[in-house]
Amino acid sequence: MNEQEQLVIMQLIMAGGNAKGSSFEAIKAAKVGDFSTAEAKLKEADSFLSDAHNAQTGMLTEEAQGKKHPVSLLMVHGQDHVMNAITFRDLAGEIVDLYKKLATK
């Protein structure tokens, strides 16, 4: 694995972690009724996930063009972070919506 591949993997790990953190902050904000902050944090999470997606797309494009990327434990770890962040972001959106509904009752 070369330095550029390691950099992309670290981008995946960081973007996934940041997205999950922003999603959790959205839930915390919604819990106390701060829905504007909750929505902003969900958008922030989406931005981090977009960064991760762009990093993945670059690697997938290279792979489609014939450049092989080694599958390492670090790569799997990076992909795990992104997948967990996507799932957590989806659930955070649902939880924020539930808090909004509870606030109107």
PDB file of N, CA and C in Angstrom:
ATOM      1  N   MET A   1       0.856  -1.170   0.000  1.00  0.00           N
ATOM      2  CA  MET A   1       0.000   0.000   0.000  1.00  0.00           C
ATOM      3  C   MET A   1       0.905   1.238   0.000  1.00  0.00           C
ATOM      4  N   ASN A   2       0.603   2.156  -0.916  1.00  0.00           N
ATOM      5  CA  ASN A   2       1.430   3.354  -0.986  1.00  0.00           C
ATOM      6  C   ASN A   2       0.873   4.464  -0.089  1.00  0.00           C
ATOM      7  N   GLU A   3       1.624   5.547  -0.021  1.00  0.00           N
ATOM      8  CA  GLU A   3       1.255   6.647   0.871  1.00  0.00           C
ATOM      9  C   GLU A   3      -0.076   7.286   0.475  1.00  0.00           C
ATOM     10  N   GLN A   4      -0.340   7.413  -0.817  1.00  0.00           N
ATOM     11  CA  GLN A   4      -1.601   8.001  -1.287  1.00  0.00           C
ATOM     12  C   GLN A   4      -2.794   7.135  -0.868  1.00  0.00           C
ATOM     13  N   GLU A   5      -2.656   5.826  -0.982  1.00  0.00           N
ATOM     14  CA  GLU A   5      -3.737   4.929  -0.562  1.00  0.00           C
ATOM     15  C   GLU A   5      -3.970   5.034   0.941  1.00  0.00           C
ATOM     16  N   GLN A   6      -2.902   5.136   1.705  1.00  0.00           N
ATOM     17  CA  GLN A   6      -3.042   5.308   3.152  1.00  0.00           C
ATOM     18  C   GLN A   6      -3.753   6.617   3.479  1.00  0.00           C
ATOM     19  N   LEU A   7      -3.434   7.665   2.730  1.00  0.00           N
ATOM     20  CA  LEU A   7      -4.074   8.957   2.943  1.00  0.00           C
ATOM     21  C   LEU A   7      -5.576   8.872   2.688  1.00  0.00           C
ATOM     22  N   VAL A   8      -5.964   8.206   1.615  1.00  0.00           N
ATOM     23  CA  VAL A   8      -7.386   8.059   1.298  1.00  0.00           C
ATOM     24  C   VAL A   8      -8.091   7.272   2.400  1.00  0.00           C
ATOM     25  N   ILE A   9      -7.462   6.220   2.877  1.00  0.00           N
ATOM     26  CA  ILE A   9      -8.063   5.420   3.946  1.00  0.00           C
ATOM     27  C   ILE A   9      -8.233   6.259   5.208  1.00  0.00           C
ATOM     28  N   MET A  10      -7.241   7.058   5.533  1.00  0.00           N
ATOM     29  CA  MET A  10      -7.354   7.918   6.714  1.00  0.00           C
ATOM     30  C   MET A  10      -8.463   8.950   6.527  1.00  0.00           C
ATOM     31  N   GLN A  11      -8.656   9.421   5.297  1.00  0.00           N
ATOM     32  CA  GLN A  11      -9.766  10.334   5.016  1.00  0.00           C
ATOM     33  C   GLN A  11     -11.103   9.647   5.285  1.00  0.00           C
ATOM     34  N   LEU A  12     -11.204   8.377   4.902  1.00  0.00           N
ATOM     35  CA  LEU A  12     -12.434   7.622   5.163  1.00  0.00           C
ATOM     36  C   LEU A  12     -12.692   7.510   6.658  1.00  0.00           C
ATOM     37  N   ILE A  13     -11.651   7.177   7.410  1.00  0.00           N
ATOM     38  CA  ILE A  13     -11.793   7.013   8.855  1.00  0.00           C
ATOM     39  C   ILE A  13     -12.192   8.334   9.504  1.00  0.00           C
ATOM     40  N   MET A  14     -11.510   9.408   9.126  1.00  0.00           N
ATOM     41  CA  MET A  14     -11.814  10.712   9.726  1.00  0.00           C
ATOM     42  C   MET A  14     -13.204  11.204   9.339  1.00  0.00           C
ATOM     43  N   ALA A  15     -13.549  11.093   8.069  1.00  0.00           N
ATOM     44  CA  ALA A  15     -14.859  11.563   7.623  1.00  0.00           C
ATOM     45  C   ALA A  15     -15.973  10.756   8.282  1.00  0.00           C
ATOM     46  N   GLY A  16     -15.785   9.444   8.382  1.00  0.00           N
ATOM     47  CA  GLY A  16     -16.781   8.607   9.050  1.00  0.00           C
ATOM     48  C   GLY A  16     -16.936   8.974  10.515  1.00  0.00           C
ATOM     49  N   GLY A  17     -15.828   9.157  11.198  1.00  0.00           N
ATOM     50  CA  GLY A  17     -15.882   9.538  12.614  1.00  0.00           C
ATOM     51  C   GLY A  17     -16.522  10.897  12.815  1.00  0.00           C
ATOM     52  N   ASN A  18     -16.176  11.844  11.959  1.00  0.00           N
ATOM     53  CA  ASN A  18     -16.763  13.181  12.066  1.00  0.00           C
ATOM     54  C   ASN A  18     -18.259  13.161  11.776  1.00  0.00           C
ATOM     55  N   ALA A  19     -18.670  12.378  10.787  1.00  0.00           N
ATOM     56  CA  ALA A  19     -20.094  12.274  10.456  1.00  0.00           C
ATOM     57  C   ALA A  19     -20.874  11.668  11.613  1.00  0.00           C
ATOM     58  N   LYS A  20     -20.322  10.634  12.210  1.00  0.00           N
ATOM     59  CA  LYS A  20     -21.001  10.003  13.344  1.00  0.00           C
ATOM     60  C   LYS A  20     -21.090  10.975  14.514  1.00  0.00           C
ATOM     61  N   GLY A  21     -20.014  11.704  14.766  1.00  0.00           N
ATOM     62  CA  GLY A  21     -20.021  12.683  15.852  1.00  0.00           C
ATOM     63  C   GLY A  21     -21.052  13.777  15.633  1.00  0.00           C
ATOM     64  N   SER A  22     -21.144  14.291  14.419  1.00  0.00           N
ATOM     65  CA  SER A  22     -22.134  15.324  14.116  1.00  0.00           C
ATOM     66  C   SER A  22     -23.553  14.778  14.245  1.00  0.00           C
ATOM     67  N   SER A  23     -23.749  13.545  13.847  1.00  0.00           N
ATOM     68  CA  SER A  23     -25.067  12.916  13.976  1.00  0.00           C
ATOM     69  C   SER A  23     -25.465  12.790  15.440  1.00  0.00           C
ATOM     70  N   PHE A  24     -24.509  12.415  16.273  1.00  0.00           N
ATOM     71  CA  PHE A  24     -24.800  12.289  17.702  1.00  0.00           C
ATOM     72  C   PHE A  24     -25.113  13.655  18.303  1.00  0.00           C
ATOM     73  N   GLU A  25     -24.395  14.687  17.874  1.00  0.00           N
ATOM     74  CA  GLU A  25     -24.679  16.042  18.347  1.00  0.00           C
ATOM     75  C   GLU A  25     -26.078  16.483  17.917  1.00  0.00           C
ATOM     76  N   ALA A  26     -26.523  16.044  16.747  1.00  0.00           N
ATOM     77  CA  ALA A  26     -27.877  16.360  16.287  1.00  0.00           C
ATOM     78  C   ALA A  26     -28.915  15.747  17.218  1.00  0.00           C
ATOM     79  N   ILE A  27     -28.693  14.516  17.622  1.00  0.00           N
ATOM     80  CA  ILE A  27     -29.625  13.860  18.545  1.00  0.00           C
ATOM     81  C   ILE A  27     -29.663  14.605  19.870  1.00  0.00           C
ATOM     82  N   LYS A  28     -28.490  14.960  20.385  1.00  0.00           N
ATOM     83  CA  LYS A  28     -28.436  15.683  21.663  1.00  0.00           C
ATOM     84  C   LYS A  28     -29.161  17.026  21.572  1.00  0.00           C
ATOM     85  N   ALA A  29     -28.989  17.728  20.465  1.00  0.00           N
ATOM     86  CA  ALA A  29     -29.664  19.015  20.295  1.00  0.00           C
ATOM     87  C   ALA A  29     -31.176  18.828  20.225  1.00  0.00           C
ATOM     88  N   ALA A  30     -31.623  17.828  19.486  1.00  0.00           N
ATOM     89  CA  ALA A  30     -33.059  17.572  19.371  1.00  0.00           C
ATOM     90  C   ALA A  30     -33.655  17.186  20.716  1.00  0.00           C
ATOM     91  N   LYS A  31     -32.900  16.478  21.507  1.00  0.00           N
ATOM     92  CA  LYS A  31     -33.383  16.026  22.817  1.00  0.00           C
ATOM     93  C   LYS A  31     -33.759  17.203  23.711  1.00  0.00           C
ATOM     94  N   VAL A  32     -33.047  18.321  23.566  1.00  0.00           N
ATOM     95  CA  VAL A  32     -33.352  19.507  24.377  1.00  0.00           C
ATOM     96  C   VAL A  32     -34.200  20.519  23.604  1.00  0.00           C
ATOM     97  N   GLY A  33     -34.715  20.119  22.438  1.00  0.00           N
ATOM     98  CA  GLY A  33     -35.616  20.967  21.674  1.00  0.00           C
ATOM     99  C   GLY A  33     -34.953  21.976  20.758  1.00  0.00           C
ATOM    100  N   ASP A  34     -33.654  21.878  20.569  1.00  0.00           N
ATOM    101  CA  ASP A  34     -32.926  22.801  19.686  1.00  0.00           C
ATOM    102  C   ASP A  34     -32.874  22.203  18.282  1.00  0.00           C
ATOM    103  N   PHE A  35     -33.981  22.336  17.574  1.00  0.00           N
ATOM    104  CA  PHE A  35     -34.116  21.663  16.287  1.00  0.00           C
ATOM    105  C   PHE A  35     -33.324  22.337  15.171  1.00  0.00           C
ATOM    106  N   SER A  36     -33.088  23.629  15.280  1.00  0.00           N
ATOM    107  CA  SER A  36     -32.272  24.273  14.245  1.00  0.00           C
ATOM    108  C   SER A  36     -30.833  23.772  14.315  1.00  0.00           C
ATOM    109  N   THR A  37     -30.311  23.605  15.524  1.00  0.00           N
ATOM    110  CA  THR A  37     -28.968  23.036  15.671  1.00  0.00           C
ATOM    111  C   THR A  37     -28.957  21.586  15.214  1.00  0.00           C
ATOM    112  N   ALA A  38     -30.001  20.848  15.557  1.00  0.00           N
ATOM    113  CA  ALA A  38     -30.081  19.442  15.150  1.00  0.00           C
ATOM    114  C   ALA A  38     -30.024  19.322  13.630  1.00  0.00           C
ATOM    115  N   GLU A  39     -30.792  20.146  12.938  1.00  0.00           N
ATOM    116  CA  GLU A  39     -30.790  20.098  11.470  1.00  0.00           C
ATOM    117  C   GLU A  39     -29.430  20.506  10.907  1.00  0.00           C
ATOM    118  N   ALA A  40     -28.809  21.506  11.519  1.00  0.00           N
ATOM    119  CA  ALA A  40     -27.483  21.938  11.062  1.00  0.00           C
ATOM    120  C   ALA A  40     -26.457  20.823  11.245  1.00  0.00           C
ATOM    121  N   LYS A  41     -26.558  20.111  12.357  1.00  0.00           N
ATOM    122  CA  LYS A  41     -25.618  19.017  12.613  1.00  0.00           C
ATOM    123  C   LYS A  41     -25.848  17.851  11.654  1.00  0.00           C
ATOM    124  N   LEU A  42     -27.091  17.598  11.287  1.00  0.00           N
ATOM    125  CA  LEU A  42     -27.361  16.553  10.297  1.00  0.00           C
ATOM    126  C   LEU A  42     -26.783  16.941   8.936  1.00  0.00           C
ATOM    127  N   LYS A  43     -26.898  18.211   8.586  1.00  0.00           N
ATOM    128  CA  LYS A  43     -26.301  18.676   7.324  1.00  0.00           C
ATOM    129  C   LYS A  43     -24.784  18.578   7.377  1.00  0.00           C
ATOM    130  N   GLU A  44     -24.219  18.883   8.539  1.00  0.00           N
ATOM    131  CA  GLU A  44     -22.773  18.751   8.712  1.00  0.00           C
ATOM    132  C   GLU A  44     -22.351  17.293   8.531  1.00  0.00           C
ATOM    133  N   ALA A  45     -23.117  16.383   9.110  1.00  0.00           N
ATOM    134  CA  ALA A  45     -22.838  14.951   8.948  1.00  0.00           C
ATOM    135  C   ALA A  45     -22.905  14.560   7.477  1.00  0.00           C
ATOM    136  N   ASP A  46     -23.906  15.081   6.771  1.00  0.00           N
ATOM    137  CA  ASP A  46     -24.028  14.791   5.339  1.00  0.00           C
ATOM    138  C   ASP A  46     -22.803  15.274   4.570  1.00  0.00           C
ATOM    139  N   SER A  47     -22.275  16.420   4.963  1.00  0.00           N
ATOM    140  CA  SER A  47     -21.086  16.956   4.301  1.00  0.00           C
ATOM    141  C   SER A  47     -19.878  16.045   4.519  1.00  0.00           C
ATOM    142  N   PHE A  48     -19.721  15.560   5.750  1.00  0.00           N
ATOM    143  CA  PHE A  48     -18.620  14.631   6.028  1.00  0.00           C
ATOM    144  C   PHE A  48     -18.793  13.334   5.239  1.00  0.00           C
ATOM    145  N   LEU A  49     -20.030  12.857   5.142  1.00  0.00           N
ATOM    146  CA  LEU A  49     -20.280  11.637   4.370  1.00  0.00           C
ATOM    147  C   LEU A  49     -20.016  11.861   2.883  1.00  0.00           C
ATOM    148  N   SER A  50     -20.289  13.056   2.412  1.00  0.00           N
ATOM    149  CA  SER A  50     -19.972  13.388   1.023  1.00  0.00           C
ATOM    150  C   SER A  50     -18.465  13.341   0.787  1.00  0.00           C
ATOM    151  N   ASP A  51     -17.693  13.835   1.758  1.00  0.00           N
ATOM    152  CA  ASP A  51     -16.232  13.757   1.659  1.00  0.00           C
ATOM    153  C   ASP A  51     -15.776  12.299   1.563  1.00  0.00           C
ATOM    154  N   ALA A  52     -16.365  11.453   2.403  1.00  0.00           N
ATOM    155  CA  ALA A  52     -16.012  10.031   2.384  1.00  0.00           C
ATOM    156  C   ALA A  52     -16.392   9.408   1.046  1.00  0.00           C
ATOM    157  N   HIS A  53     -17.572   9.753   0.558  1.00  0.00           N
ATOM    158  CA  HIS A  53     -18.031   9.224  -0.728  1.00  0.00           C
ATOM    159  C   HIS A  53     -17.076   9.624  -1.852  1.00  0.00           C
ATOM    160  N   ASN A  54     -16.626  10.870  -1.828  1.00  0.00           N
ATOM    161  CA  ASN A  54     -15.697  11.329  -2.865  1.00  0.00           C
ATOM    162  C   ASN A  54     -14.386  10.551  -2.818  1.00  0.00           C
ATOM    163  N   ALA A  55     -13.894  10.273  -1.615  1.00  0.00           N
ATOM    164  CA  ALA A  55     -12.663   9.486  -1.481  1.00  0.00           C
ATOM    165  C   ALA A  55     -12.876   8.069  -2.020  1.00  0.00           C
ATOM    166  N   GLN A  56     -14.014   7.478  -1.688  1.00  0.00           N
ATOM    167  CA  GLN A  56     -14.326   6.136  -2.186  1.00  0.00           C
ATOM    168  C   GLN A  56     -14.452   6.132  -3.704  1.00  0.00           C
ATOM    169  N   THR A  57     -15.116   7.134  -4.243  1.00  0.00           N
ATOM    170  CA  THR A  57     -15.337   7.200  -5.686  1.00  0.00           C
ATOM    171  C   THR A  57     -14.023   7.273  -6.439  1.00  0.00           C
ATOM    172  N   GLY A  58     -13.081   8.031  -5.901  1.00  0.00           N
ATOM    173  CA  GLY A  58     -11.769   8.107  -6.535  1.00  0.00           C
ATOM    174  C   GLY A  58     -11.105   6.748  -6.620  1.00  0.00           C
ATOM    175  N   MET A  59     -11.160   6.003  -5.536  1.00  0.00           N
ATOM    176  CA  MET A  59     -10.554   4.668  -5.525  1.00  0.00           C
ATOM    177  C   MET A  59     -11.303   3.712  -6.450  1.00  0.00           C
ATOM    178  N   LEU A  60     -12.629   3.799  -6.456  1.00  0.00           N
ATOM    179  CA  LEU A  60     -13.422   2.930  -7.327  1.00  0.00           C
ATOM    180  C   LEU A  60     -13.158   3.233  -8.800  1.00  0.00           C
ATOM    181  N   THR A  61     -13.019   4.505  -9.124  1.00  0.00           N
ATOM    182  CA  THR A  61     -12.718   4.895 -10.502  1.00  0.00           C
ATOM    183  C   THR A  61     -11.374   4.330 -10.940  1.00  0.00           C
ATOM    184  N   GLU A  62     -10.372   4.464 -10.067  1.00  0.00           N
ATOM    185  CA  GLU A  62      -9.055   3.908 -10.382  1.00  0.00           C
ATOM    186  C   GLU A  62      -9.125   2.393 -10.557  1.00  0.00           C
ATOM    187  N   GLU A  63      -9.888   1.743  -9.698  1.00  0.00           N
ATOM    188  CA  GLU A  63     -10.037   0.284  -9.788  1.00  0.00           C
ATOM    189  C   GLU A  63     -10.681  -0.099 -11.123  1.00  0.00           C
ATOM    190  N   ALA A  64     -11.702   0.652 -11.529  1.00  0.00           N
ATOM    191  CA  ALA A  64     -12.377   0.377 -12.798  1.00  0.00           C
ATOM    192  C   ALA A  64     -11.454   0.599 -13.994  1.00  0.00           C
ATOM    193  N   GLN A  65     -10.466   1.460 -13.814  1.00  0.00           N
ATOM    194  CA  GLN A  65      -9.511   1.737 -14.885  1.00  0.00           C
ATOM    195  C   GLN A  65      -8.329   0.770 -14.872  1.00  0.00           C
ATOM    196  N   GLY A  66      -8.381  -0.213 -13.981  1.00  0.00           N
ATOM    197  CA  GLY A  66      -7.355  -1.245 -13.966  1.00  0.00           C
ATOM    198  C   GLY A  66      -6.309  -1.126 -12.881  1.00  0.00           C
ATOM    199  N   LYS A  67      -6.331  -0.056 -12.112  1.00  0.00           N
ATOM    200  CA  LYS A  67      -5.363   0.085 -11.021  1.00  0.00           C
ATOM    201  C   LYS A  67      -5.878  -0.693  -9.815  1.00  0.00           C
ATOM    202  N   LYS A  68      -5.114  -1.656  -9.383  1.00  0.00           N
ATOM    203  CA  LYS A  68      -5.528  -2.487  -8.256  1.00  0.00           C
ATOM    204  C   LYS A  68      -5.132  -1.826  -6.935  1.00  0.00           C
ATOM    205  N   HIS A  69      -6.050  -1.868  -5.991  1.00  0.00           N
ATOM    206  CA  HIS A  69      -5.786  -1.376  -4.641  1.00  0.00           C
ATOM    207  C   HIS A  69      -5.777  -2.581  -3.703  1.00  0.00           C
ATOM    208  N   PRO A  70      -4.753  -2.705  -2.894  1.00  0.00           N
ATOM    209  CA  PRO A  70      -4.715  -3.840  -1.967  1.00  0.00           C
ATOM    210  C   PRO A  70      -5.810  -3.710  -0.906  1.00  0.00           C
ATOM    211  N   VAL A  71      -6.407  -4.830  -0.580  1.00  0.00           N
ATOM    212  CA  VAL A  71      -7.399  -4.850   0.490  1.00  0.00           C
ATOM    213  C   VAL A  71      -6.654  -5.212   1.768  1.00  0.00           C
ATOM    214  N   SER A  72      -6.544  -4.229   2.642  1.00  0.00           N
ATOM    215  CA  SER A  72      -5.825  -4.428   3.894  1.00  0.00           C
ATOM    216  C   SER A  72      -6.791  -4.292   5.060  1.00  0.00           C
ATOM    217  N   LEU A  73      -6.329  -4.659   6.228  1.00  0.00           N
ATOM    218  CA  LEU A  73      -7.138  -4.482   7.428  1.00  0.00           C
ATOM    219  C   LEU A  73      -7.464  -3.006   7.627  1.00  0.00           C
ATOM    220  N   LEU A  74      -6.518  -2.132   7.305  1.00  0.00           N
ATOM    221  CA  LEU A  74      -6.749  -0.695   7.430  1.00  0.00           C
ATOM    222  C   LEU A  74      -7.855  -0.237   6.478  1.00  0.00           C
ATOM    223  N   MET A  75      -7.871  -0.761   5.259  1.00  0.00           N
ATOM    224  CA  MET A  75      -8.925  -0.416   4.300  1.00  0.00           C
ATOM    225  C   MET A  75     -10.287  -0.891   4.807  1.00  0.00           C
ATOM    226  N   VAL A  76     -10.338  -2.098   5.312  1.00  0.00           N
ATOM    227  CA  VAL A  76     -11.591  -2.627   5.852  1.00  0.00           C
ATOM    228  C   VAL A  76     -12.058  -1.768   7.023  1.00  0.00           C
ATOM    229  N   HIS A  77     -11.127  -1.369   7.862  1.00  0.00           N
ATOM    230  CA  HIS A  77     -11.444  -0.512   9.006  1.00  0.00           C
ATOM    231  C   HIS A  77     -12.037   0.818   8.525  1.00  0.00           C
ATOM    232  N   GLY A  78     -11.435   1.411   7.510  1.00  0.00           N
ATOM    233  CA  GLY A  78     -11.948   2.662   6.959  1.00  0.00           C
ATOM    234  C   GLY A  78     -13.353   2.508   6.407  1.00  0.00           C
ATOM    235  N   GLN A  79     -13.592   1.430   5.678  1.00  0.00           N
ATOM    236  CA  GLN A  79     -14.921   1.180   5.129  1.00  0.00           C
ATOM    237  C   GLN A  79     -15.939   0.932   6.245  1.00  0.00           C
ATOM    238  N   ASP A  80     -15.513   0.244   7.299  1.00  0.00           N
ATOM    239  CA  ASP A  80     -16.399   0.030   8.451  1.00  0.00           C
ATOM    240  C   ASP A  80     -16.835   1.354   9.062  1.00  0.00           C
ATOM    241  N   HIS A  81     -15.888   2.271   9.210  1.00  0.00           N
ATOM    242  CA  HIS A  81     -16.219   3.587   9.769  1.00  0.00           C
ATOM    243  C   HIS A  81     -17.269   4.291   8.920  1.00  0.00           C
ATOM    244  N   VAL A  82     -17.087   4.245   7.619  1.00  0.00           N
ATOM    245  CA  VAL A  82     -18.027   4.924   6.727  1.00  0.00           C
ATOM    246  C   VAL A  82     -19.404   4.273   6.792  1.00  0.00           C
ATOM    247  N   MET A  83     -19.463   2.954   6.728  1.00  0.00           N
ATOM    248  CA  MET A  83     -20.759   2.263   6.772  1.00  0.00           C
ATOM    249  C   MET A  83     -21.484   2.518   8.093  1.00  0.00           C
ATOM    250  N   ASN A  84     -20.750   2.475   9.195  1.00  0.00           N
ATOM    251  CA  ASN A  84     -21.368   2.763  10.492  1.00  0.00           C
ATOM    252  C   ASN A  84     -21.867   4.199  10.551  1.00  0.00           C
ATOM    253  N   ALA A  85     -21.103   5.118  10.000  1.00  0.00           N
ATOM    254  CA  ALA A  85     -21.509   6.524  10.005  1.00  0.00           C
ATOM    255  C   ALA A  85     -22.771   6.740   9.173  1.00  0.00           C
ATOM    256  N   ILE A  86     -22.866   6.058   8.040  1.00  0.00           N
ATOM    257  CA  ILE A  86     -24.061   6.180   7.200  1.00  0.00           C
ATOM    258  C   ILE A  86     -25.288   5.673   7.955  1.00  0.00           C
ATOM    259  N   THR A  87     -25.162   4.523   8.572  1.00  0.00           N
ATOM    260  CA  THR A  87     -26.275   3.961   9.338  1.00  0.00           C
ATOM    261  C   THR A  87     -26.654   4.869  10.498  1.00  0.00           C
ATOM    262  N   PHE A  88     -25.637   5.354  11.219  1.00  0.00           N
ATOM    263  CA  PHE A  88     -25.899   6.221  12.371  1.00  0.00           C
ATOM    264  C   PHE A  88     -26.557   7.520  11.923  1.00  0.00           C
ATOM    265  N   ARG A  89     -26.129   8.060  10.788  1.00  0.00           N
ATOM    266  CA  ARG A  89     -26.732   9.305  10.277  1.00  0.00           C
ATOM    267  C   ARG A  89     -28.197   9.083   9.935  1.00  0.00           C
ATOM    268  N   ASP A  90     -28.505   7.964   9.302  1.00  0.00           N
ATOM    269  CA  ASP A  90     -29.895   7.661   8.966  1.00  0.00           C
ATOM    270  C   ASP A  90     -30.751   7.559  10.222  1.00  0.00           C
ATOM    271  N   LEU A  91     -30.247   6.856  11.214  1.00  0.00           N
ATOM    272  CA  LEU A  91     -30.995   6.716  12.467  1.00  0.00           C
ATOM    273  C   LEU A  91     -31.120   8.043  13.198  1.00  0.00           C
ATOM    274  N   ALA A  92     -30.073   8.855  13.173  1.00  0.00           N
ATOM    275  CA  ALA A  92     -30.123  10.168  13.827  1.00  0.00           C
ATOM    276  C   ALA A  92     -31.224  11.027  13.210  1.00  0.00           C
ATOM    277  N   GLY A  93     -31.359  10.980  11.900  1.00  0.00           N
ATOM    278  CA  GLY A  93     -32.425  11.730  11.244  1.00  0.00           C
ATOM    279  C   GLY A  93     -33.801  11.298  11.725  1.00  0.00           C
ATOM    280  N   GLU A  94     -33.982  10.001  11.881  1.00  0.00           N
ATOM    281  CA  GLU A  94     -35.259   9.482  12.379  1.00  0.00           C
ATOM    282  C   GLU A  94     -35.498   9.897  13.832  1.00  0.00           C
ATOM    283  N   ILE A  95     -34.465   9.853  14.646  1.00  0.00           N
ATOM    284  CA  ILE A  95     -34.601  10.237  16.056  1.00  0.00           C
ATOM    285  C   ILE A  95     -34.920  11.720  16.180  1.00  0.00           C
ATOM    286  N   VAL A  96     -34.259  12.552  15.386  1.00  0.00           N
ATOM    287  CA  VAL A  96     -34.562  13.986  15.396  1.00  0.00           C
ATOM    288  C   VAL A  96     -36.029  14.198  15.016  1.00  0.00           C
ATOM    289  N   ASP A  97     -36.509  13.502  13.999  1.00  0.00           N
ATOM    290  CA  ASP A  97     -37.918  13.613  13.605  1.00  0.00           C
ATOM    291  C   ASP A  97     -38.851  13.205  14.743  1.00  0.00           C
ATOM    292  N   LEU A  98     -38.503  12.151  15.461  1.00  0.00           N
ATOM    293  CA  LEU A  98     -39.332  11.720  16.593  1.00  0.00           C
ATOM    294  C   LEU A  98     -39.376  12.783  17.685  1.00  0.00           C
ATOM    295  N   TYR A  99     -38.229  13.374  17.992  1.00  0.00           N
ATOM    296  CA  TYR A  99     -38.211  14.446  18.996  1.00  0.00           C
ATOM    297  C   TYR A  99     -39.059  15.632  18.544  1.00  0.00           C
ATOM    298  N   LYS A 100     -39.053  15.942  17.261  1.00  0.00           N
ATOM    299  CA  LYS A 100     -39.891  17.029  16.747  1.00  0.00           C
ATOM    300  C   LYS A 100     -41.368  16.714  16.959  1.00  0.00           C
ATOM    301  N   LYS A 101     -41.750  15.482  16.668  1.00  0.00           N
ATOM    302  CA  LYS A 101     -43.151  15.092  16.848  1.00  0.00           C
ATOM    303  C   LYS A 101     -43.550  15.145  18.316  1.00  0.00           C
ATOM    304  N   LEU A 102     -42.671  14.695  19.185  1.00  0.00           N
ATOM    305  CA  LEU A 102     -42.964  14.745  20.618  1.00  0.00           C
ATOM    306  C   LEU A 102     -43.098  16.182  21.111  1.00  0.00           C
ATOM    307  N   ALA A 103     -42.344  17.079  20.532  1.00  0.00           N
ATOM    308  CA  ALA A 103     -42.374  18.481  20.955  1.00  0.00           C
ATOM    309  C   ALA A 103     -43.672  19.174  20.561  1.00  0.00           C
ATOM    310  N   THR A 104     -44.368  18.649  19.558  1.00  0.00           N
ATOM    311  CA  THR A 104     -45.614  19.280  19.114  1.00  0.00           C
ATOM    312  C   THR A 104     -46.831  18.746  19.861  1.00  0.00           C
ATOM    313  N   LYS A 105     -46.630  17.787  20.734  1.00  0.00           N
ATOM    314  CA  LYS A 105     -47.770  17.206  21.466  1.00  0.00           C
ATOM    315  C   LYS A 105     -47.903  17.814  22.831  1.00  0.00           C
TER     316      LYS A 105
END
